[in-house]
């Protein structure tokens, strides 16, 4: 995801704060990412999920050498990527509910 490619200095520079103030609110970049996810509205979450699916599907088409013009193959990759990610989140929710 794009958060992983950002550095704390870049984030704080864009936010107009000093890097040390970042640590008053977040432990690290992963914590920032989790806080962002926790505060997404349903519409934002849907848009973010769509962006993740498109990014992963694009990477897979590139890795597999599938032409962007091959609409059928690209659509199949998107559908399978969506299903795969849904299974991950369903499993994560299931495991989360199993915690004592």
PDB file of N, CA and C in Angstrom:
ATOM      1  N   UNK A   1       0.832  -1.171   0.000  1.00  0.00           N
ATOM      2  CA  UNK A   1       0.000   0.000   0.000  1.00  0.00           C
ATOM      3  C   UNK A   1       0.879   1.238   0.000  1.00  0.00           C
ATOM      4  N   UNK A   2       0.285   2.369  -0.314  1.00  0.00           N
ATOM      5  CA  UNK A   2       1.108   3.560  -0.452  1.00  0.00           C
ATOM      6  C   UNK A   2       1.699   4.026   0.863  1.00  0.00           C
ATOM      7  N   UNK A   3       1.052   3.745   2.000  1.00  0.00           N
ATOM      8  CA  UNK A   3       1.575   4.176   3.307  1.00  0.00           C
ATOM      9  C   UNK A   3       2.970   3.622   3.521  1.00  0.00           C
ATOM     10  N   UNK A   4       3.185   2.382   3.120  1.00  0.00           N
ATOM     11  CA  UNK A   4       4.486   1.741   3.333  1.00  0.00           C
ATOM     12  C   UNK A   4       5.605   2.463   2.600  1.00  0.00           C
ATOM     13  N   UNK A   5       5.268   3.136   1.513  1.00  0.00           N
ATOM     14  CA  UNK A   5       6.305   3.813   0.736  1.00  0.00           C
ATOM     15  C   UNK A   5       6.585   5.228   1.244  1.00  0.00           C
ATOM     16  N   UNK A   6       5.788   5.708   2.185  1.00  0.00           N
ATOM     17  CA  UNK A   6       5.986   7.048   2.723  1.00  0.00           C
ATOM     18  C   UNK A   6       6.900   7.006   3.934  1.00  0.00           C
ATOM     19  N   UNK A   7       7.665   8.056   4.095  1.00  0.00           N
ATOM     20  CA  UNK A   7       8.493   8.186   5.278  1.00  0.00           C
ATOM     21  C   UNK A   7       7.886   9.187   6.242  1.00  0.00           C
ATOM     22  N   UNK A   8       8.275   9.087   7.496  1.00  0.00           N
ATOM     23  CA  UNK A   8       7.746   9.993   8.513  1.00  0.00           C
ATOM     24  C   UNK A   8       8.084  11.439   8.169  1.00  0.00           C
ATOM     25  N   UNK A   9       9.298  11.667   7.686  1.00  0.00           N
ATOM     26  CA  UNK A   9       9.680  13.049   7.332  1.00  0.00           C
ATOM     27  C   UNK A   9       8.781  13.615   6.235  1.00  0.00           C
ATOM     28  N   UNK A  10       8.485  12.793   5.243  1.00  0.00           N
ATOM     29  CA  UNK A  10       7.629  13.255   4.148  1.00  0.00           C
ATOM     30  C   UNK A  10       6.219  13.567   4.650  1.00  0.00           C
ATOM     31  N   UNK A  11       5.686  12.685   5.493  1.00  0.00           N
ATOM     32  CA  UNK A  11       4.334  12.887   6.033  1.00  0.00           C
ATOM     33  C   UNK A  11       4.281  14.160   6.873  1.00  0.00           C
ATOM     34  N   UNK A  12       5.259  14.325   7.765  1.00  0.00           N
ATOM     35  CA  UNK A  12       5.241  15.500   8.633  1.00  0.00           C
ATOM     36  C   UNK A  12       5.484  16.784   7.846  1.00  0.00           C
ATOM     37  N   UNK A  13       6.309  16.711   6.816  1.00  0.00           N
ATOM     38  CA  UNK A  13       6.548  17.888   5.986  1.00  0.00           C
ATOM     39  C   UNK A  13       5.255  18.303   5.289  1.00  0.00           C
ATOM     40  N   UNK A  14       4.543  17.324   4.723  1.00  0.00           N
ATOM     41  CA  UNK A  14       3.277  17.623   4.045  1.00  0.00           C
ATOM     42  C   UNK A  14       2.225  18.137   5.028  1.00  0.00           C
ATOM     43  N   UNK A  15       2.269  17.632   6.264  1.00  0.00           N
ATOM     44  CA  UNK A  15       1.303  18.060   7.281  1.00  0.00           C
ATOM     45  C   UNK A  15       1.692  19.390   7.917  1.00  0.00           C
ATOM     46  N   UNK A  16       2.943  19.814   7.699  1.00  0.00           N
ATOM     47  CA  UNK A  16       3.397  21.077   8.264  1.00  0.00           C
ATOM     48  C   UNK A  16       3.729  21.003   9.737  1.00  0.00           C
ATOM     49  N   UNK A  17       4.169  19.819  10.187  1.00  0.00           N
ATOM     50  CA  UNK A  17       4.566  19.655  11.588  1.00  0.00           C
ATOM     51  C   UNK A  17       5.984  19.086  11.649  1.00  0.00           C
ATOM     52  N   UNK A  18       6.602  19.202  12.815  1.00  0.00           N
ATOM     53  CA  UNK A  18       7.948  18.658  12.972  1.00  0.00           C
ATOM     54  C   UNK A  18       7.859  17.151  13.213  1.00  0.00           C
ATOM     55  N   UNK A  19       8.865  16.382  12.759  1.00  0.00           N
ATOM     56  CA  UNK A  19       8.822  14.919  12.910  1.00  0.00           C
ATOM     57  C   UNK A  19       8.618  14.436  14.337  1.00  0.00           C
ATOM     58  N   UNK A  20       9.171  15.143  15.319  1.00  0.00           N
ATOM     59  CA  UNK A  20       9.003  14.674  16.706  1.00  0.00           C
ATOM     60  C   UNK A  20       7.548  14.716  17.156  1.00  0.00           C
ATOM     61  N   UNK A  21       6.747  15.625  16.599  1.00  0.00           N
ATOM     62  CA  UNK A  21       5.337  15.679  16.989  1.00  0.00           C
ATOM     63  C   UNK A  21       4.557  14.480  16.461  1.00  0.00           C
ATOM     64  N   UNK A  22       5.057  13.872  15.399  1.00  0.00           N
ATOM     65  CA  UNK A  22       4.421  12.662  14.856  1.00  0.00           C
ATOM     66  C   UNK A  22       4.311  11.599  15.948  1.00  0.00           C
ATOM     67  N   UNK A  23       5.393  11.430  16.714  1.00  0.00           N
ATOM     68  CA  UNK A  23       5.447  10.376  17.726  1.00  0.00           C
ATOM     69  C   UNK A  23       4.580  10.670  18.948  1.00  0.00           C
ATOM     70  N   UNK A  24       4.068  11.870  19.062  1.00  0.00           N
ATOM     71  CA  UNK A  24       3.118  12.167  20.145  1.00  0.00           C
ATOM     72  C   UNK A  24       1.751  11.540  19.846  1.00  0.00           C
ATOM     73  N   UNK A  25       1.512  11.278  18.559  1.00  0.00           N
ATOM     74  CA  UNK A  25       0.202  10.763  18.149  1.00  0.00           C
ATOM     75  C   UNK A  25       0.245   9.326  17.625  1.00  0.00           C
ATOM     76  N   UNK A  26       1.390   8.918  17.063  1.00  0.00           N
ATOM     77  CA  UNK A  26       1.503   7.601  16.438  1.00  0.00           C
ATOM     78  C   UNK A  26       2.816   6.955  16.844  1.00  0.00           C
ATOM     79  N   UNK A  27       2.789   5.623  16.986  1.00  0.00           N
ATOM     80  CA  UNK A  27       4.019   4.889  17.318  1.00  0.00           C
ATOM     81  C   UNK A  27       4.946   4.792  16.117  1.00  0.00           C
ATOM     82  N   UNK A  28       4.371   4.628  14.929  1.00  0.00           N
ATOM     83  CA  UNK A  28       5.147   4.469  13.697  1.00  0.00           C
ATOM     84  C   UNK A  28       4.198   4.634  12.513  1.00  0.00           C
ATOM     85  N   UNK A  29       4.695   4.394  11.304  1.00  0.00           N
ATOM     86  CA  UNK A  29       3.862   4.558  10.109  1.00  0.00           C
ATOM     87  C   UNK A  29       2.731   3.534  10.064  1.00  0.00           C
ATOM     88  N   UNK A  30       2.982   2.333  10.576  1.00  0.00           N
ATOM     89  CA  UNK A  30       1.918   1.326  10.615  1.00  0.00           C
ATOM     90  C   UNK A  30       0.759   1.798  11.489  1.00  0.00           C
ATOM     91  N   UNK A  31       1.085   2.409  12.625  1.00  0.00           N
ATOM     92  CA  UNK A  31       0.056   2.930  13.527  1.00  0.00           C
ATOM     93  C   UNK A  31      -0.756   4.023  12.824  1.00  0.00           C
ATOM     94  N   UNK A  32      -0.078   4.898  12.077  1.00  0.00           N
ATOM     95  CA  UNK A  32      -0.780   5.917  11.300  1.00  0.00           C
ATOM     96  C   UNK A  32      -1.755   5.268  10.322  1.00  0.00           C
ATOM     97  N   UNK A  33      -1.286   4.242   9.610  1.00  0.00           N
ATOM     98  CA  UNK A  33      -2.148   3.536   8.658  1.00  0.00           C
ATOM     99  C   UNK A  33      -3.369   2.934   9.325  1.00  0.00           C
ATOM    100  N   UNK A  34      -3.169   2.313  10.493  1.00  0.00           N
ATOM    101  CA  UNK A  34      -4.299   1.726  11.225  1.00  0.00           C
ATOM    102  C   UNK A  34      -5.285   2.797  11.684  1.00  0.00           C
ATOM    103  N   UNK A  35      -4.763   3.926  12.145  1.00  0.00           N
ATOM    104  CA  UNK A  35      -5.639   5.025  12.575  1.00  0.00           C
ATOM    105  C   UNK A  35      -6.453   5.554  11.402  1.00  0.00           C
ATOM    106  N   UNK A  36      -5.824   5.648  10.239  1.00  0.00           N
ATOM    107  CA  UNK A  36      -6.549   6.110   9.054  1.00  0.00           C
ATOM    108  C   UNK A  36      -7.672   5.146   8.691  1.00  0.00           C
ATOM    109  N   UNK A  37      -7.385   3.854   8.729  1.00  0.00           N
ATOM    110  CA  UNK A  37      -8.398   2.840   8.408  1.00  0.00           C
ATOM    111  C   UNK A  37      -9.549   2.902   9.410  1.00  0.00           C
ATOM    112  N   UNK A  38      -9.219   3.072  10.693  1.00  0.00           N
ATOM    113  CA  UNK A  38     -10.256   3.142  11.727  1.00  0.00           C
ATOM    114  C   UNK A  38     -11.191   4.329  11.547  1.00  0.00           C
ATOM    115  N   UNK A  39     -10.722   5.388  10.903  1.00  0.00           N
ATOM    116  CA  UNK A  39     -11.528   6.592  10.768  1.00  0.00           C
ATOM    117  C   UNK A  39     -12.154   6.762   9.382  1.00  0.00           C
ATOM    118  N   UNK A  40     -12.036   5.752   8.544  1.00  0.00           N
ATOM    119  CA  UNK A  40     -12.647   5.826   7.218  1.00  0.00           C
ATOM    120  C   UNK A  40     -14.158   5.663   7.325  1.00  0.00           C
ATOM    121  N   UNK A  41     -14.878   6.433   6.546  1.00  0.00           N
ATOM    122  CA  UNK A  41     -16.317   6.224   6.444  1.00  0.00           C
ATOM    123  C   UNK A  41     -16.547   5.005   5.556  1.00  0.00           C
ATOM    124  N   UNK A  42     -17.773   4.517   5.513  1.00  0.00           N
ATOM    125  CA  UNK A  42     -18.065   3.361   4.665  1.00  0.00           C
ATOM    126  C   UNK A  42     -17.749   3.659   3.204  1.00  0.00           C
ATOM    127  N   UNK A  43     -18.073   4.863   2.741  1.00  0.00           N
ATOM    128  CA  UNK A  43     -17.789   5.242   1.361  1.00  0.00           C
ATOM    129  C   UNK A  43     -16.297   5.298   1.091  1.00  0.00           C
ATOM    130  N   UNK A  44     -15.542   5.861   2.056  1.00  0.00           N
ATOM    131  CA  UNK A  44     -14.089   5.914   1.915  1.00  0.00           C
ATOM    132  C   UNK A  44     -13.495   4.516   1.921  1.00  0.00           C
ATOM    133  N   UNK A  45     -14.033   3.660   2.778  1.00  0.00           N
ATOM    134  CA  UNK A  45     -13.529   2.296   2.866  1.00  0.00           C
ATOM    135  C   UNK A  45     -13.778   1.538   1.564  1.00  0.00           C
ATOM    136  N   UNK A  46     -14.949   1.728   0.988  1.00  0.00           N
ATOM    137  CA  UNK A  46     -15.264   1.080  -0.288  1.00  0.00           C
ATOM    138  C   UNK A  46     -14.321   1.564  -1.388  1.00  0.00           C
ATOM    139  N   UNK A  47     -14.082   2.881  -1.420  1.00  0.00           N
ATOM    140  CA  UNK A  47     -13.185   3.435  -2.420  1.00  0.00           C
ATOM    141  C   UNK A  47     -11.754   2.925  -2.203  1.00  0.00           C
ATOM    142  N   UNK A  48     -11.330   2.839  -0.950  1.00  0.00           N
ATOM    143  CA  UNK A  48      -9.988   2.352  -0.629  1.00  0.00           C
ATOM    144  C   UNK A  48      -9.844   0.884  -1.023  1.00  0.00           C
ATOM    145  N   UNK A  49     -10.855   0.081  -0.736  1.00  0.00           N
ATOM    146  CA  UNK A  49     -10.812  -1.339  -1.115  1.00  0.00           C
ATOM    147  C   UNK A  49     -10.730  -1.482  -2.628  1.00  0.00           C
ATOM    148  N   UNK A  50     -11.501  -0.665  -3.344  1.00  0.00           N
ATOM    149  CA  UNK A  50     -11.457  -0.700  -4.810  1.00  0.00           C
ATOM    150  C   UNK A  50     -10.062  -0.335  -5.307  1.00  0.00           C
ATOM    151  N   UNK A  51      -9.453   0.663  -4.683  1.00  0.00           N
ATOM    152  CA  UNK A  51      -8.101   1.070  -5.062  1.00  0.00           C
ATOM    153  C   UNK A  51      -7.096  -0.051  -4.803  1.00  0.00           C
ATOM    154  N   UNK A  52      -7.235  -0.737  -3.677  1.00  0.00           N
ATOM    155  CA  UNK A  52      -6.332  -1.850  -3.365  1.00  0.00           C
ATOM    156  C   UNK A  52      -6.497  -2.962  -4.392  1.00  0.00           C
ATOM    157  N   UNK A  53      -7.735  -3.314  -4.701  1.00  0.00           N
ATOM    158  CA  UNK A  53      -7.990  -4.368  -5.692  1.00  0.00           C
ATOM    159  C   UNK A  53      -7.377  -3.985  -7.033  1.00  0.00           C
ATOM    160  N   UNK A  54      -7.590  -2.756  -7.465  1.00  0.00           N
ATOM    161  CA  UNK A  54      -7.049  -2.315  -8.753  1.00  0.00           C
ATOM    162  C   UNK A  54      -5.516  -2.332  -8.745  1.00  0.00           C
ATOM    163  N   UNK A  55      -4.925  -1.910  -7.634  1.00  0.00           N
ATOM    164  CA  UNK A  55      -3.456  -1.895  -7.538  1.00  0.00           C
ATOM    165  C   UNK A  55      -2.881  -3.306  -7.575  1.00  0.00           C
ATOM    166  N   UNK A  56      -3.484  -4.200  -6.804  1.00  0.00           N
ATOM    167  CA  UNK A  56      -2.998  -5.580  -6.787  1.00  0.00           C
ATOM    168  C   UNK A  56      -3.225  -6.239  -8.145  1.00  0.00           C
ATOM    169  N   UNK A  57      -4.402  -6.024  -8.727  1.00  0.00           N
ATOM    170  CA  UNK A  57      -4.700  -6.614 -10.033  1.00  0.00           C
ATOM    171  C   UNK A  57      -3.749  -6.075 -11.098  1.00  0.00           C
ATOM    172  N   UNK A  58      -3.458  -4.783 -11.049  1.00  0.00           N
ATOM    173  CA  UNK A  58      -2.519  -4.199 -12.015  1.00  0.00           C
ATOM    174  C   UNK A  58      -1.142  -4.846 -11.865  1.00  0.00           C
ATOM    175  N   UNK A  59      -0.695  -4.995 -10.622  1.00  0.00           N
ATOM    176  CA  UNK A  59       0.608  -5.632 -10.384  1.00  0.00           C
ATOM    177  C   UNK A  59       0.621  -7.064 -10.909  1.00  0.00           C
ATOM    178  N   UNK A  60      -0.471  -7.783 -10.674  1.00  0.00           N
ATOM    179  CA  UNK A  60      -0.541  -9.173 -11.143  1.00  0.00           C
ATOM    180  C   UNK A  60      -0.551  -9.255 -12.667  1.00  0.00           C
ATOM    181  N   UNK A  61      -1.303  -8.370 -13.317  1.00  0.00           N
ATOM    182  CA  UNK A  61      -1.315  -8.410 -14.788  1.00  0.00           C
ATOM    183  C   UNK A  61       0.083  -8.140 -15.330  1.00  0.00           C
ATOM    184  N   UNK A  62       0.789  -7.223 -14.678  1.00  0.00           N
ATOM    185  CA  UNK A  62       2.151  -6.909 -15.100  1.00  0.00           C
ATOM    186  C   UNK A  62       3.077  -8.103 -14.861  1.00  0.00           C
ATOM    187  N   UNK A  63       2.984  -8.697 -13.678  1.00  0.00           N
ATOM    188  CA  UNK A  63       3.839  -9.851 -13.352  1.00  0.00           C
ATOM    189  C   UNK A  63       3.559 -11.053 -14.257  1.00  0.00           C
ATOM    190  N   UNK A  64       2.280 -11.246 -14.583  1.00  0.00           N
ATOM    191  CA  UNK A  64       1.891 -12.386 -15.404  1.00  0.00           C
ATOM    192  C   UNK A  64       2.040 -12.110 -16.896  1.00  0.00           C
ATOM    193  N   UNK A  65       2.357 -10.878 -17.235  1.00  0.00           N
ATOM    194  CA  UNK A  65       2.533 -10.523 -18.643  1.00  0.00           C
ATOM    195  C   UNK A  65       1.224 -10.434 -19.408  1.00  0.00           C
ATOM    196  N   UNK A  66       0.130 -10.128 -18.708  1.00  0.00           N
ATOM    197  CA  UNK A  66      -1.170  -9.992 -19.355  1.00  0.00           C
ATOM    198  C   UNK A  66      -1.285  -8.579 -19.910  1.00  0.00           C
ATOM    199  N   UNK A  67      -1.670  -8.473 -21.146  1.00  0.00           N
ATOM    200  CA  UNK A  67      -1.824  -7.172 -21.792  1.00  0.00           C
ATOM    201  C   UNK A  67      -3.004  -6.420 -21.186  1.00  0.00           C
ATOM    202  N   UNK A  68      -2.829  -5.132 -20.977  1.00  0.00           N
ATOM    203  CA  UNK A  68      -3.912  -4.294 -20.455  1.00  0.00           C
ATOM    204  C   UNK A  68      -5.100  -4.264 -21.411  1.00  0.00           C
ATOM    205  N   UNK A  69      -4.861  -4.542 -22.683  1.00  0.00           N
ATOM    206  CA  UNK A  69      -5.934  -4.560 -23.678  1.00  0.00           C
ATOM    207  C   UNK A  69      -6.753  -5.854 -23.624  1.00  0.00           C
ATOM    208  N   UNK A  70      -6.241  -6.876 -22.955  1.00  0.00           N
ATOM    209  CA  UNK A  70      -6.962  -8.147 -22.831  1.00  0.00           C
ATOM    210  C   UNK A  70      -7.984  -8.011 -21.696  1.00  0.00           C
ATOM    211  N   UNK A  71      -9.107  -7.369 -22.039  1.00  0.00           N
ATOM    212  CA  UNK A  71     -10.107  -7.028 -21.023  1.00  0.00           C
ATOM    213  C   UNK A  71     -10.621  -8.247 -20.261  1.00  0.00           C
ATOM    214  N   UNK A  72     -10.780  -9.364 -20.937  1.00  0.00           N
ATOM    215  CA  UNK A  72     -11.278 -10.570 -20.272  1.00  0.00           C
ATOM    216  C   UNK A  72     -10.312 -11.022 -19.179  1.00  0.00           C
ATOM    217  N   UNK A  73      -9.033 -11.135 -19.507  1.00  0.00           N
ATOM    218  CA  UNK A  73      -8.041 -11.593 -18.522  1.00  0.00           C
ATOM    219  C   UNK A  73      -7.896 -10.597 -17.373  1.00  0.00           C
ATOM    220  N   UNK A  74      -7.898  -9.316 -17.713  1.00  0.00           N
ATOM    221  CA  UNK A  74      -7.781  -8.288 -16.673  1.00  0.00           C
ATOM    222  C   UNK A  74      -8.978  -8.374 -15.725  1.00  0.00           C
ATOM    223  N   UNK A  75     -10.175  -8.548 -16.269  1.00  0.00           N
ATOM    224  CA  UNK A  75     -11.375  -8.666 -15.434  1.00  0.00           C
ATOM    225  C   UNK A  75     -11.323  -9.920 -14.565  1.00  0.00           C
ATOM    226  N   UNK A  76     -10.838 -11.021 -15.112  1.00  0.00           N
ATOM    227  CA  UNK A  76     -10.702 -12.251 -14.325  1.00  0.00           C
ATOM    228  C   UNK A  76      -9.727 -12.047 -13.159  1.00  0.00           C
ATOM    229  N   UNK A  77      -8.640 -11.364 -13.424  1.00  0.00           N
ATOM    230  CA  UNK A  77      -7.661 -11.097 -12.364  1.00  0.00           C
ATOM    231  C   UNK A  77      -8.286 -10.201 -11.298  1.00  0.00           C
ATOM    232  N   UNK A  78      -9.044  -9.195 -11.703  1.00  0.00           N
ATOM    233  CA  UNK A  78      -9.702  -8.315 -10.730  1.00  0.00           C
ATOM    234  C   UNK A  78     -10.708  -9.088  -9.883  1.00  0.00           C
ATOM    235  N   UNK A  79     -11.513  -9.932 -10.511  1.00  0.00           N
ATOM    236  CA  UNK A  79     -12.501 -10.719  -9.770  1.00  0.00           C
ATOM    237  C   UNK A  79     -11.821 -11.645  -8.771  1.00  0.00           C
ATOM    238  N   UNK A  80     -10.772 -12.319  -9.209  1.00  0.00           N
ATOM    239  CA  UNK A  80     -10.074 -13.246  -8.316  1.00  0.00           C
ATOM    240  C   UNK A  80      -9.349 -12.502  -7.202  1.00  0.00           C
ATOM    241  N   UNK A  81      -8.812 -11.342  -7.514  1.00  0.00           N
ATOM    242  CA  UNK A  81      -8.155 -10.522  -6.493  1.00  0.00           C
ATOM    243  C   UNK A  81      -9.167 -10.076  -5.448  1.00  0.00           C
ATOM    244  N   UNK A  82     -10.329  -9.637  -5.906  1.00  0.00           N
ATOM    245  CA  UNK A  82     -11.391  -9.221  -4.987  1.00  0.00           C
ATOM    246  C   UNK A  82     -11.786 -10.374  -4.079  1.00  0.00           C
ATOM    247  N   UNK A  83     -11.996 -11.539  -4.659  1.00  0.00           N
ATOM    248  CA  UNK A  83     -12.405 -12.706  -3.869  1.00  0.00           C
ATOM    249  C   UNK A  83     -11.323 -13.094  -2.871  1.00  0.00           C
ATOM    250  N   UNK A  84     -10.086 -13.070  -3.299  1.00  0.00           N
ATOM    251  CA  UNK A  84      -8.968 -13.408  -2.421  1.00  0.00           C
ATOM    252  C   UNK A  84      -8.909 -12.451  -1.230  1.00  0.00           C
ATOM    253  N   UNK A  85      -9.026 -11.157  -1.497  1.00  0.00           N
ATOM    254  CA  UNK A  85      -8.977 -10.182  -0.411  1.00  0.00           C
ATOM    255  C   UNK A  85     -10.188 -10.314   0.509  1.00  0.00           C
ATOM    256  N   UNK A  86     -11.352 -10.627  -0.051  1.00  0.00           N
ATOM    257  CA  UNK A  86     -12.531 -10.855   0.790  1.00  0.00           C
ATOM    258  C   UNK A  86     -12.293 -12.026   1.734  1.00  0.00           C
ATOM    259  N   UNK A  87     -11.705 -13.089   1.209  1.00  0.00           N
ATOM    260  CA  UNK A  87     -11.413 -14.256   2.051  1.00  0.00           C
ATOM    261  C   UNK A  87     -10.435 -13.903   3.168  1.00  0.00           C
ATOM    262  N   UNK A  88      -9.465 -13.065   2.864  1.00  0.00           N
ATOM    263  CA  UNK A  88      -8.513 -12.640   3.891  1.00  0.00           C
ATOM    264  C   UNK A  88      -9.245 -11.889   5.001  1.00  0.00           C
ATOM    265  N   UNK A  89     -10.112 -10.950   4.620  1.00  0.00           N
ATOM    266  CA  UNK A  89     -10.795 -10.144   5.627  1.00  0.00           C
ATOM    267  C   UNK A  89     -11.830 -10.956   6.409  1.00  0.00           C
ATOM    268  N   UNK A  90     -12.493 -11.876   5.755  1.00  0.00           N
ATOM    269  CA  UNK A  90     -13.436 -12.750   6.466  1.00  0.00           C
ATOM    270  C   UNK A  90     -12.667 -13.597   7.475  1.00  0.00           C
ATOM    271  N   UNK A  91     -11.538 -14.135   7.048  1.00  0.00           N
ATOM    272  CA  UNK A  91     -10.710 -14.933   7.962  1.00  0.00           C
ATOM    273  C   UNK A  91     -10.196 -14.102   9.109  1.00  0.00           C
ATOM    274  N   UNK A  92      -9.771 -12.882   8.831  1.00  0.00           N
ATOM    275  CA  UNK A  92      -9.261 -12.002   9.890  1.00  0.00           C
ATOM    276  C   UNK A  92     -10.354 -11.692  10.896  1.00  0.00           C
ATOM    277  N   UNK A  93     -11.565 -11.439  10.413  1.00  0.00           N
ATOM    278  CA  UNK A  93     -12.680 -11.158  11.321  1.00  0.00           C
ATOM    279  C   UNK A  93     -13.000 -12.396  12.162  1.00  0.00           C
ATOM    280  N   UNK A  94     -12.935 -13.556  11.539  1.00  0.00           N
ATOM    281  CA  UNK A  94     -13.197 -14.805  12.258  1.00  0.00           C
ATOM    282  C   UNK A  94     -12.166 -15.014  13.359  1.00  0.00           C
ATOM    283  N   UNK A  95     -10.889 -14.822  13.022  1.00  0.00           N
ATOM    284  CA  UNK A  95      -9.828 -14.996  14.015  1.00  0.00           C
ATOM    285  C   UNK A  95      -9.927 -13.962  15.107  1.00  0.00           C
ATOM    286  N   UNK A  96     -10.316 -12.743  14.756  1.00  0.00           N
ATOM    287  CA  UNK A  96     -10.449 -11.681  15.738  1.00  0.00           C
ATOM    288  C   UNK A  96     -11.541 -12.025  16.747  1.00  0.00           C
ATOM    289  N   UNK A  97     -12.615 -12.656  16.259  1.00  0.00           N
ATOM    290  CA  UNK A  97     -13.728 -13.043  17.156  1.00  0.00           C
ATOM    291  C   UNK A  97     -13.356 -14.213  18.054  1.00  0.00           C
ATOM    292  N   UNK A  98     -12.310 -14.968  17.691  1.00  0.00           N
ATOM    293  CA  UNK A  98     -11.892 -16.124  18.481  1.00  0.00           C
ATOM    294  C   UNK A  98     -10.986 -15.740  19.650  1.00  0.00           C
ATOM    295  N   UNK A  99     -10.517 -14.490  19.649  1.00  0.00           N
ATOM    296  CA  UNK A  99      -9.615 -14.059  20.715  1.00  0.00           C
ATOM    297  C   UNK A  99     -10.364 -14.036  22.044  1.00  0.00           C
ATOM    298  N   UNK A 100      -9.686 -14.437  23.116  1.00  0.00           N
ATOM    299  CA  UNK A 100     -10.358 -14.428  24.441  1.00  0.00           C
ATOM    300  C   UNK A 100     -10.599 -13.031  24.961  1.00  0.00           C
TER     301      UNK A 100
END
